[in-house]
Amino acid sequence: MKHPERIEDYLEHIAQAIQRATEYIAHLDNVSAFDKASAIRMPSYATSR
């Protein structure tokens, strides 16, 4: 890590991203619905496992 003094900022950004992701999928009935929705929005290289 280049700036250890900024760990609090990094963690806050991660927490915000988790909150946004949670809100994004809150309306979905199940995970397969998310997989179908994300496939439309993400390029194929981002969804390969």
PDB file of N, CA and C in Angstrom:
ATOM      1  N   MET A   1       0.848  -1.171   0.000  1.00  0.00           N
ATOM      2  CA  MET A   1       0.000   0.000   0.000  1.00  0.00           C
ATOM      3  C   MET A   1       0.897   1.238   0.000  1.00  0.00           C
ATOM      4  N   LYS A   2       0.600   2.153  -0.895  1.00  0.00           N
ATOM      5  CA  LYS A   2       1.440   3.343  -1.038  1.00  0.00           C
ATOM      6  C   LYS A   2       1.265   4.342   0.102  1.00  0.00           C
ATOM      7  N   HIS A   3       0.043   4.432   0.640  1.00  0.00           N
ATOM      8  CA  HIS A   3      -0.239   5.443   1.651  1.00  0.00           C
ATOM      9  C   HIS A   3      -0.966   4.825   2.852  1.00  0.00           C
ATOM     10  N   PRO A   4      -0.240   4.188   3.745  1.00  0.00           N
ATOM     11  CA  PRO A   4      -0.894   3.536   4.885  1.00  0.00           C
ATOM     12  C   PRO A   4      -1.680   4.509   5.773  1.00  0.00           C
ATOM     13  N   GLU A   5      -1.332   5.762   5.739  1.00  0.00           N
ATOM     14  CA  GLU A   5      -2.050   6.754   6.546  1.00  0.00           C
ATOM     15  C   GLU A   5      -3.476   6.988   6.025  1.00  0.00           C
ATOM     16  N   ARG A   6      -3.758   6.492   4.819  1.00  0.00           N
ATOM     17  CA  ARG A   6      -5.083   6.683   4.227  1.00  0.00           C
ATOM     18  C   ARG A   6      -5.968   5.449   4.356  1.00  0.00           C
ATOM     19  N   ILE A   7      -5.574   4.501   5.189  1.00  0.00           N
ATOM     20  CA  ILE A   7      -6.333   3.256   5.326  1.00  0.00           C
ATOM     21  C   ILE A   7      -7.794   3.531   5.701  1.00  0.00           C
ATOM     22  N   GLU A   8      -8.028   4.507   6.547  1.00  0.00           N
ATOM     23  CA  GLU A   8      -9.403   4.836   6.937  1.00  0.00           C
ATOM     24  C   GLU A   8     -10.223   5.280   5.730  1.00  0.00           C
ATOM     25  N   ASP A   9      -9.622   6.089   4.854  1.00  0.00           N
ATOM     26  CA  ASP A   9     -10.306   6.517   3.631  1.00  0.00           C
ATOM     27  C   ASP A   9     -10.608   5.321   2.729  1.00  0.00           C
ATOM     28  N   TYR A  10      -9.616   4.429   2.577  1.00  0.00           N
ATOM     29  CA  TYR A  10      -9.808   3.257   1.732  1.00  0.00           C
ATOM     30  C   TYR A  10     -10.963   2.405   2.246  1.00  0.00           C
ATOM     31  N   LEU A  11     -10.967   2.169   3.554  1.00  0.00           N
ATOM     32  CA  LEU A  11     -12.024   1.341   4.142  1.00  0.00           C
ATOM     33  C   LEU A  11     -13.401   1.996   4.004  1.00  0.00           C
ATOM     34  N   GLU A  12     -13.448   3.303   4.127  1.00  0.00           N
ATOM     35  CA  GLU A  12     -14.713   4.011   3.953  1.00  0.00           C
ATOM     36  C   GLU A  12     -15.224   3.860   2.519  1.00  0.00           C
ATOM     37  N   HIS A  13     -14.326   3.961   1.548  1.00  0.00           N
ATOM     38  CA  HIS A  13     -14.719   3.785   0.151  1.00  0.00           C
ATOM     39  C   HIS A  13     -15.224   2.363  -0.097  1.00  0.00           C
ATOM     40  N   ILE A  14     -14.566   1.388   0.496  1.00  0.00           N
ATOM     41  CA  ILE A  14     -15.001  -0.001   0.351  1.00  0.00           C
ATOM     42  C   ILE A  14     -16.387  -0.183   0.960  1.00  0.00           C
ATOM     43  N   ALA A  15     -16.606   0.366   2.156  1.00  0.00           N
ATOM     44  CA  ALA A  15     -17.908   0.268   2.817  1.00  0.00           C
ATOM     45  C   ALA A  15     -18.994   0.931   1.978  1.00  0.00           C
ATOM     46  N   GLN A  16     -18.685   2.067   1.377  1.00  0.00           N
ATOM     47  CA  GLN A  16     -19.664   2.748   0.519  1.00  0.00           C
ATOM     48  C   GLN A  16     -19.986   1.912  -0.719  1.00  0.00           C
ATOM     49  N   ALA A  17     -18.973   1.289  -1.283  1.00  0.00           N
ATOM     50  CA  ALA A  17     -19.191   0.446  -2.466  1.00  0.00           C
ATOM     51  C   ALA A  17     -20.063  -0.760  -2.111  1.00  0.00           C
ATOM     52  N   ILE A  18     -19.832  -1.343  -0.954  1.00  0.00           N
ATOM     53  CA  ILE A  18     -20.653  -2.470  -0.506  1.00  0.00           C
ATOM     54  C   ILE A  18     -22.095  -2.015  -0.319  1.00  0.00           C
ATOM     55  N   GLN A  19     -22.280  -0.856   0.271  1.00  0.00           N
ATOM     56  CA  GLN A  19     -23.632  -0.321   0.479  1.00  0.00           C
ATOM     57  C   GLN A  19     -24.338  -0.097  -0.854  1.00  0.00           C
ATOM     58  N   ARG A  20     -23.639   0.489  -1.819  1.00  0.00           N
ATOM     59  CA  ARG A  20     -24.240   0.712  -3.137  1.00  0.00           C
ATOM     60  C   ARG A  20     -24.599  -0.607  -3.806  1.00  0.00           C
ATOM     61  N   ALA A  21     -23.712  -1.584  -3.713  1.00  0.00           N
ATOM     62  CA  ALA A  21     -23.977  -2.888  -4.319  1.00  0.00           C
ATOM     63  C   ALA A  21     -25.176  -3.556  -3.661  1.00  0.00           C
ATOM     64  N   THR A  22     -25.259  -3.450  -2.352  1.00  0.00           N
ATOM     65  CA  THR A  22     -26.383  -4.033  -1.620  1.00  0.00           C
ATOM     66  C   THR A  22     -27.694  -3.375  -2.043  1.00  0.00           C
ATOM     67  N   GLU A  23     -27.692  -2.065  -2.162  1.00  0.00           N
ATOM     68  CA  GLU A  23     -28.893  -1.349  -2.602  1.00  0.00           C
ATOM     69  C   GLU A  23     -29.256  -1.718  -4.044  1.00  0.00           C
ATOM     70  N   TYR A  24     -28.254  -1.927  -4.862  1.00  0.00           N
ATOM     71  CA  TYR A  24     -28.478  -2.258  -6.267  1.00  0.00           C
ATOM     72  C   TYR A  24     -29.208  -3.591  -6.410  1.00  0.00           C
ATOM     73  N   ILE A  25     -28.828  -4.579  -5.594  1.00  0.00           N
ATOM     74  CA  ILE A  25     -29.430  -5.906  -5.742  1.00  0.00           C
ATOM     75  C   ILE A  25     -30.605  -6.150  -4.795  1.00  0.00           C
ATOM     76  N   ALA A  26     -30.937  -5.198  -3.960  1.00  0.00           N
ATOM     77  CA  ALA A  26     -31.996  -5.390  -2.956  1.00  0.00           C
ATOM     78  C   ALA A  26     -33.339  -5.751  -3.588  1.00  0.00           C
ATOM     79  N   HIS A  27     -33.623  -5.239  -4.760  1.00  0.00           N
ATOM     80  CA  HIS A  27     -34.917  -5.490  -5.391  1.00  0.00           C
ATOM     81  C   HIS A  27     -34.985  -6.826  -6.128  1.00  0.00           C
ATOM     82  N   LEU A  28     -33.864  -7.507  -6.276  1.00  0.00           N
ATOM     83  CA  LEU A  28     -33.846  -8.768  -7.010  1.00  0.00           C
ATOM     84  C   LEU A  28     -34.349  -9.913  -6.132  1.00  0.00           C
ATOM     85  N   ASP A  29     -35.058 -10.833  -6.738  1.00  0.00           N
ATOM     86  CA  ASP A  29     -35.612 -11.965  -5.996  1.00  0.00           C
ATOM     87  C   ASP A  29     -34.568 -13.019  -5.646  1.00  0.00           C
ATOM     88  N   ASN A  30     -33.565 -13.180  -6.513  1.00  0.00           N
ATOM     89  CA  ASN A  30     -32.544 -14.194  -6.257  1.00  0.00           C
ATOM     90  C   ASN A  30     -31.257 -13.844  -6.992  1.00  0.00           C
ATOM     91  N   VAL A  31     -30.218 -14.593  -6.699  1.00  0.00           N
ATOM     92  CA  VAL A  31     -28.901 -14.297  -7.265  1.00  0.00           C
ATOM     93  C   VAL A  31     -28.880 -14.525  -8.772  1.00  0.00           C
ATOM     94  N   SER A  32     -29.613 -15.487  -9.269  1.00  0.00           N
ATOM     95  CA  SER A  32     -29.602 -15.716 -10.718  1.00  0.00           C
ATOM     96  C   SER A  32     -30.150 -14.507 -11.469  1.00  0.00           C
ATOM     97  N   ALA A  33     -31.081 -13.781 -10.847  1.00  0.00           N
ATOM     98  CA  ALA A  33     -31.570 -12.551 -11.463  1.00  0.00           C
ATOM     99  C   ALA A  33     -30.445 -11.527 -11.556  1.00  0.00           C
ATOM    100  N   PHE A  34     -29.597 -11.474 -10.536  1.00  0.00           N
ATOM    101  CA  PHE A  34     -28.446 -10.561 -10.568  1.00  0.00           C
ATOM    102  C   PHE A  34     -27.470 -10.977 -11.664  1.00  0.00           C
ATOM    103  N   ASP A  35     -27.214 -12.273 -11.774  1.00  0.00           N
ATOM    104  CA  ASP A  35     -26.298 -12.749 -12.817  1.00  0.00           C
ATOM    105  C   ASP A  35     -26.785 -12.325 -14.195  1.00  0.00           C
ATOM    106  N   LYS A  36     -28.077 -12.459 -14.457  1.00  0.00           N
ATOM    107  CA  LYS A  36     -28.630 -12.067 -15.755  1.00  0.00           C
ATOM    108  C   LYS A  36     -28.524 -10.559 -15.952  1.00  0.00           C
ATOM    109  N   ALA A  37     -28.827  -9.779 -14.923  1.00  0.00           N
ATOM    110  CA  ALA A  37     -28.774  -8.326 -15.024  1.00  0.00           C
ATOM    111  C   ALA A  37     -27.336  -7.845 -15.213  1.00  0.00           C
ATOM    112  N   SER A  38     -26.392  -8.438 -14.479  1.00  0.00           N
ATOM    113  CA  SER A  38     -25.002  -7.982 -14.571  1.00  0.00           C
ATOM    114  C   SER A  38     -24.388  -8.359 -15.907  1.00  0.00           C
ATOM    115  N   ALA A  39     -24.830  -9.451 -16.491  1.00  0.00           N
ATOM    116  CA  ALA A  39     -24.304  -9.853 -17.794  1.00  0.00           C
ATOM    117  C   ALA A  39     -24.632  -8.816 -18.856  1.00  0.00           C
ATOM    118  N   ILE A  40     -25.741  -8.136 -18.693  1.00  0.00           N
ATOM    119  CA  ILE A  40     -26.132  -7.102 -19.643  1.00  0.00           C
ATOM    120  C   ILE A  40     -25.243  -5.870 -19.490  1.00  0.00           C
ATOM    121  N   ARG A  41     -24.830  -5.572 -18.273  1.00  0.00           N
ATOM    122  CA  ARG A  41     -24.095  -4.336 -17.983  1.00  0.00           C
ATOM    123  C   ARG A  41     -22.576  -4.493 -18.018  1.00  0.00           C
ATOM    124  N   MET A  42     -22.074  -5.723 -17.842  1.00  0.00           N
ATOM    125  CA  MET A  42     -20.630  -5.923 -17.746  1.00  0.00           C
ATOM    126  C   MET A  42     -20.098  -6.583 -19.003  1.00  0.00           C
ATOM    127  N   PRO A  43     -18.906  -6.189 -19.405  1.00  0.00           N
ATOM    128  CA  PRO A  43     -18.288  -6.885 -20.540  1.00  0.00           C
ATOM    129  C   PRO A  43     -17.971  -8.332 -20.163  1.00  0.00           C
ATOM    130  N   SER A  44     -17.904  -9.206 -21.126  1.00  0.00           N
ATOM    131  CA  SER A  44     -17.722 -10.638 -20.848  1.00  0.00           C
ATOM    132  C   SER A  44     -16.443 -10.927 -20.070  1.00  0.00           C
ATOM    133  N   TYR A  45     -15.373 -10.193 -20.301  1.00  0.00           N
ATOM    134  CA  TYR A  45     -14.132 -10.458 -19.579  1.00  0.00           C
ATOM    135  C   TYR A  45     -14.273 -10.172 -18.092  1.00  0.00           C
ATOM    136  N   ALA A  46     -15.199  -9.309 -17.708  1.00  0.00           N
ATOM    137  CA  ALA A  46     -15.396  -8.993 -16.287  1.00  0.00           C
ATOM    138  C   ALA A  46     -16.209 -10.051 -15.575  1.00  0.00           C
ATOM    139  N   THR A  47     -16.938 -10.872 -16.308  1.00  0.00           N
ATOM    140  CA  THR A  47     -17.781 -11.878 -15.681  1.00  0.00           C
ATOM    141  C   THR A  47     -17.188 -13.271 -15.755  1.00  0.00           C
ATOM    142  N   SER A  48     -16.057 -13.443 -16.425  1.00  0.00           N
ATOM    143  CA  SER A  48     -15.451 -14.777 -16.508  1.00  0.00           C
ATOM    144  C   SER A  48     -14.890 -15.162 -15.145  1.00  0.00           C
ATOM    145  N   ARG A  49     -15.029 -16.443 -14.824  1.00  0.00           N
ATOM    146  CA  ARG A  49     -14.618 -16.916 -13.479  1.00  0.00           C
ATOM    147  C   ARG A  49     -13.535 -17.932 -13.576  1.00  0.00           C
TER     148      ARG A  49
END
